Amino acid sequence: TNSSKLMFLLLFACVVVVNAARISKQSNSECVAKQLDWDVMMASGTKPMNSVSMSLNEDDSTFNVEVSLQYIGAAKSHTTLSNTGTSYVIDFVPFTMSDSVDATSTCSNHQASSYLNHTFEDWWKYSVTPWEEGHIGTEDFLAYGPTTSYWSVEYVEPDVHVMHDHNDALQCGHVRYRGHFALSSLQKCVDKQGENVVRIQDDDNFFYISGKLYVSIVSPMNNKRNIPGFNKIYSIHSESFEFKISKAINVFGF
């Protein structure tokens, strides 16, 4: 009957509205930060979801990098005393066991001064509500803290249709780092020893710029004590770059 059809349509519309409201709510608030299991990752070689792109803009003589990385909260391992935090290091030099997230190169995504006046435990603090203003790129949550002036960072909402775990809880989305380097700035990028991390050569007609981008995930063995050399490190991505630009543009002011 017409009344039965109308009742069915009304019920169907209610279900659609409720599900739409649930999805909208989840996309803006209810997500769970992925926990990293170091033992599983090291054994399987399965890396956190990531994407990396690099490009040269000849119109304004800039080198641009975009790195999207899965938002990760706590990390665990049989060799750590308790769950620890994690942080991503993006740099033009590889991050090693003896390195520290507060002493990367001058062109990395980590701003060294951000760690001053904070405990070592603070360095690994992350937000369980990364979508909220001030929870990414600030000193309140240094696992995804302030960047150097060459970089920016933002949180990107997850795709609610595909990023659910086995408990049907929506996993948090990803963080997107964007690096923007004037070519003249690349010659100023140095590591903690003051050595250049990007190579610049020239001939009569061109400048040749080359280097390598490294993306690593880092956790401390113990997030309460800063013990040099006691970090867990896993390389997520490494990629060489090389390009040339005409001397007629004179980007270096030579």
Protein backbone atom coordinates (compact mmCIF):
# COMPACT_ATOMS: atom_id res chain seq x y z
CA THR A 1 0.00 0.00 0.00
CA ASN A 2 1.00 3.63 -0.33
CA SER A 3 1.12 4.06 3.46
CA SER A 4 3.51 1.08 3.79
CA LYS A 5 5.79 2.45 1.10
CA LEU A 6 5.79 5.85 2.79
CA MET A 7 6.67 4.27 6.14
CA PHE A 8 9.56 2.34 4.52
CA LEU A 9 10.91 5.49 2.87
CA LEU A 10 10.74 7.40 6.15
CA LEU A 11 12.62 4.63 8.00
CA PHE A 12 15.25 4.45 5.24
CA ALA A 13 15.71 8.23 5.37
CA CYS A 14 16.19 8.08 9.15
CA VAL A 15 18.89 5.40 8.81
CA VAL A 16 20.71 7.47 6.19
CA VAL A 17 20.59 10.59 8.36
CA VAL A 18 21.84 8.72 11.45
CA ASN A 19 24.73 7.10 9.54
CA ALA A 20 25.66 10.41 7.91
CA ALA A 21 25.70 12.09 11.31
CA ARG A 22 27.86 9.25 12.72
CA ILE A 23 30.36 9.55 9.86
CA SER A 24 30.47 13.34 10.16
CA LYS A 25 31.07 13.09 13.89
CA GLN A 26 33.81 10.51 13.45
CA SER A 27 35.58 12.45 10.74
CA ASN A 28 35.97 15.45 13.02
CA SER A 29 36.49 13.89 16.43
CA GLU A 30 36.35 10.18 17.16
CA CYS A 31 39.57 8.64 15.93
CA VAL A 32 42.20 6.44 17.51
CA ALA A 33 45.90 7.08 16.97
CA LYS A 34 47.61 4.01 15.55
CA GLN A 35 49.94 2.27 17.98
CA LEU A 36 53.26 1.27 16.46
CA ASP A 37 54.57 -2.19 17.26
CA TRP A 38 58.31 -2.00 16.61
CA ASP A 39 58.77 -5.77 16.76
CA VAL A 40 56.15 -6.39 14.09
CA MET A 41 57.44 -3.58 11.87
CA MET A 42 61.05 -4.73 12.06
CA ALA A 43 60.12 -8.36 11.40
CA SER A 44 57.69 -7.72 8.55
CA GLY A 45 59.19 -4.59 7.00
CA THR A 46 55.71 -3.07 6.89
CA LYS A 47 56.11 0.69 7.08
CA PRO A 48 53.58 3.26 8.25
CA MET A 49 51.58 4.63 5.34
CA ASN A 50 53.48 7.40 3.63
CA SER A 51 53.91 9.35 0.41
CA VAL A 52 56.74 11.64 -0.68
CA SER A 53 57.06 14.03 -3.59
CA MET A 54 59.80 16.48 -4.58
CA SER A 55 59.76 19.09 -7.32
CA LEU A 56 61.69 22.05 -8.67
CA ASN A 57 59.73 25.19 -9.49
CA GLU A 58 61.82 27.02 -12.06
CA ASP A 59 59.49 30.02 -12.10
CA ASP A 60 60.48 31.09 -8.60
CA SER A 61 63.63 28.92 -8.20
CA THR A 62 62.33 26.89 -5.28
CA PHE A 63 62.72 23.26 -4.26
CA ASN A 64 59.49 21.85 -2.82
CA VAL A 65 58.89 18.71 -0.78
CA GLU A 66 55.61 17.20 0.40
CA VAL A 67 55.56 14.28 2.83
CA SER A 68 52.37 12.66 4.14
CA LEU A 69 52.78 10.30 7.10
CA GLN A 70 50.38 8.20 9.11
CA TYR A 71 49.52 9.74 12.48
CA ILE A 72 51.02 7.46 15.12
CA GLY A 73 50.63 7.74 18.88
CA ALA A 74 52.28 5.31 21.25
CA ALA A 75 54.89 2.74 20.33
CA LYS A 76 55.69 -0.55 22.01
CA SER A 77 58.44 -3.13 21.89
CA HIS A 78 59.72 -6.01 23.99
CA THR A 79 62.93 -4.03 24.59
CA THR A 80 61.23 -0.95 26.07
CA LEU A 81 60.12 -0.64 29.66
CA SER A 82 56.79 0.92 28.74
CA ASN A 83 54.92 2.41 25.82
CA THR A 84 56.76 5.39 24.35
CA GLY A 85 55.96 8.09 21.82
CA THR A 86 57.18 8.42 18.27
CA SER A 87 58.34 11.22 16.01
CA TYR A 88 59.12 11.57 12.32
CA VAL A 89 62.42 13.10 11.20
CA ILE A 90 62.65 14.51 7.66
CA ASP A 91 66.12 15.65 6.76
CA PHE A 92 68.86 15.76 4.13
CA VAL A 93 71.07 13.52 6.28
CA PRO A 94 70.18 10.11 7.69
CA PHE A 95 69.11 9.92 11.33
CA THR A 96 71.37 7.53 13.26
CA MET A 97 71.43 5.85 16.66
CA SER A 98 73.69 8.54 18.07
CA ASP A 99 71.47 11.40 16.89
CA SER A 100 68.79 13.24 18.84
CA VAL A 101 65.56 14.84 17.63
CA ASP A 102 66.60 18.15 19.20
CA ALA A 103 69.85 18.29 17.19
CA THR A 104 69.08 17.57 13.56
CA SER A 105 70.31 19.59 10.57
CA THR A 106 69.29 23.21 10.15
CA CYS A 107 66.93 22.25 7.32
CA SER A 108 65.11 19.34 8.95
CA ASN A 109 61.47 19.41 10.02
CA HIS A 110 62.46 19.69 13.71
CA GLN A 111 63.00 23.07 15.33
CA ALA A 112 65.77 22.57 17.88
CA SER A 113 64.78 25.49 20.11
CA SER A 114 61.36 23.93 20.71
CA TYR A 115 62.89 21.35 23.04
CA LEU A 116 64.41 23.88 25.42
CA ASN A 117 62.75 24.01 28.83
CA HIS A 118 60.97 20.70 28.23
CA THR A 119 61.61 17.33 29.84
CA PHE A 120 62.74 14.41 27.72
CA GLU A 121 59.36 12.80 28.34
CA ASP A 122 57.72 15.90 26.84
CA TRP A 123 59.64 15.34 23.60
CA TRP A 124 57.47 12.29 22.85
CA LYS A 125 54.11 13.64 23.90
CA TYR A 126 51.39 13.40 21.26
CA SER A 127 47.76 14.46 21.14
CA VAL A 128 44.87 12.01 21.22
CA THR A 129 42.79 14.72 19.54
CA PRO A 130 45.12 15.86 16.72
CA TRP A 131 42.31 17.57 14.80
CA GLU A 132 42.02 20.24 17.50
CA GLU A 133 43.64 23.61 16.94
CA GLY A 134 47.09 23.89 18.49
CA HIS A 135 47.62 20.13 18.76
CA ILE A 136 49.92 19.85 15.75
CA GLY A 137 53.00 22.00 15.23
CA THR A 138 53.17 23.39 18.76
CA GLU A 139 55.31 22.80 21.84
CA ASP A 140 52.33 21.30 23.67
CA PHE A 141 52.80 18.08 21.69
CA LEU A 142 56.42 17.81 20.64
CA ALA A 143 56.09 14.45 18.89
CA TYR A 144 54.55 16.54 16.10
CA GLY A 145 56.03 19.82 17.25
CA PRO A 146 57.14 23.09 15.65
CA THR A 147 59.08 22.94 12.40
CA THR A 148 61.95 25.00 11.10
CA SER A 149 61.01 27.97 8.92
CA TYR A 150 61.46 25.87 5.78
CA TRP A 151 58.64 23.50 6.78
CA SER A 152 54.99 23.55 7.70
CA VAL A 153 52.88 20.77 9.21
CA GLU A 154 49.15 20.10 9.36
CA TYR A 155 46.78 17.32 10.33
CA VAL A 156 44.65 15.81 7.57
CA GLU A 157 41.36 14.07 8.38
CA PRO A 158 41.11 10.33 7.60
CA ASP A 159 39.00 8.78 4.89
CA VAL A 160 36.12 7.44 6.99
CA HIS A 161 35.26 4.83 4.37
CA VAL A 162 38.54 2.92 4.39
CA MET A 163 40.56 3.64 7.51
CA HIS A 164 38.84 1.52 10.19
CA ASP A 165 40.63 -1.03 12.32
CA HIS A 166 39.31 -4.43 13.40
CA ASN A 167 37.27 -2.85 16.20
CA ASP A 168 35.52 -0.52 13.74
CA ALA A 169 37.24 2.41 15.44
CA LEU A 170 38.26 5.12 13.03
CA GLN A 171 42.03 5.47 12.91
CA CYS A 172 43.37 9.00 12.88
CA GLY A 173 44.44 10.42 9.54
CA HIS A 174 47.90 11.67 8.64
CA VAL A 175 50.20 14.60 9.06
CA ARG A 176 51.38 16.48 6.02
CA TYR A 177 54.76 18.20 6.04
CA ARG A 178 55.54 20.69 3.30
CA GLY A 179 59.08 21.93 2.73
CA HIS A 180 59.72 25.07 0.69
CA PHE A 181 63.35 25.96 -0.04
CA ALA A 182 64.68 28.84 -2.08
CA LEU A 183 67.65 27.41 -3.92
CA SER A 184 69.84 30.01 -2.27
CA SER A 185 68.77 28.53 1.09
CA LEU A 186 69.94 25.04 0.23
CA GLN A 187 73.58 26.10 0.37
CA LYS A 188 72.98 27.12 4.00
CA CYS A 189 71.69 23.71 5.11
CA VAL A 190 74.26 22.18 7.48
CA ASP A 191 74.35 19.23 9.86
CA LYS A 192 75.23 19.43 13.55
CA GLN A 193 78.94 19.43 12.64
CA GLY A 194 78.42 22.41 10.34
CA GLU A 195 78.91 20.42 7.14
CA ASN A 196 76.78 21.15 4.08
CA VAL A 197 74.09 18.55 3.50
CA VAL A 198 73.17 19.60 -0.06
CA ARG A 199 75.85 19.57 -2.76
CA ILE A 200 76.13 22.55 -5.12
CA GLN A 201 78.52 22.53 -8.06
CA ASP A 202 78.77 24.62 -11.20
CA ASP A 203 80.31 24.97 -14.63
CA ASP A 204 80.28 27.85 -17.11
CA ASN A 205 76.55 27.62 -17.72
CA PHE A 206 74.78 25.81 -14.90
CA PHE A 207 74.51 25.22 -11.18
CA TYR A 208 74.10 21.56 -10.23
CA ILE A 209 72.23 20.83 -7.01
CA SER A 210 72.09 17.32 -5.55
CA GLY A 211 71.32 15.60 -2.30
CA LYS A 212 69.15 12.99 -0.66
CA LEU A 213 65.97 13.22 1.38
CA TYR A 214 65.53 10.86 4.34
CA VAL A 215 62.33 10.13 6.25
CA SER A 216 62.67 8.16 9.48
CA ILE A 217 60.48 7.22 12.40
CA VAL A 218 62.09 7.44 15.84
CA SER A 219 61.21 6.24 19.34
CA PRO A 220 63.30 6.30 22.52
CA MET A 221 64.16 3.11 24.31
CA ASN A 222 62.95 4.82 27.45
CA ASN A 223 60.96 8.04 27.19
CA LYS A 224 61.90 9.14 30.71
CA ARG A 225 65.69 9.18 30.25
CA ASN A 226 67.67 10.72 27.41
CA ILE A 227 70.38 8.13 26.87
CA PRO A 228 72.52 8.92 23.80
CA GLY A 229 72.48 6.09 21.30
CA PHE A 230 69.35 4.49 22.75
CA ASN A 231 66.82 5.24 20.05
CA LYS A 232 64.78 2.98 17.85
CA ILE A 233 65.02 4.17 14.23
CA TYR A 234 63.42 2.91 11.07
CA SER A 235 63.95 4.36 7.61
CA ILE A 236 60.61 4.92 5.91
CA HIS A 237 61.84 6.57 2.75
CA SER A 238 65.05 7.80 1.15
CA GLU A 239 65.30 9.38 -2.27
CA SER A 240 68.04 11.19 -4.15
CA PHE A 241 67.43 14.41 -6.05
CA GLU A 242 69.51 16.18 -8.66
CA PHE A 243 68.75 19.11 -10.91
CA LYS A 244 70.46 21.94 -12.70
CA ILE A 245 69.55 25.55 -13.21
CA SER A 246 70.95 28.12 -15.57
CA LYS A 247 73.49 30.61 -14.24
CA ALA A 248 71.58 33.30 -16.11
CA ILE A 249 69.03 33.18 -13.27
CA ASN A 250 71.79 33.73 -10.70
CA VAL A 251 69.81 32.24 -7.82
CA PHE A 252 72.86 32.13 -5.54
CA GLY A 253 73.98 35.69 -6.08
CA PHE A 254 77.45 34.60 -7.17
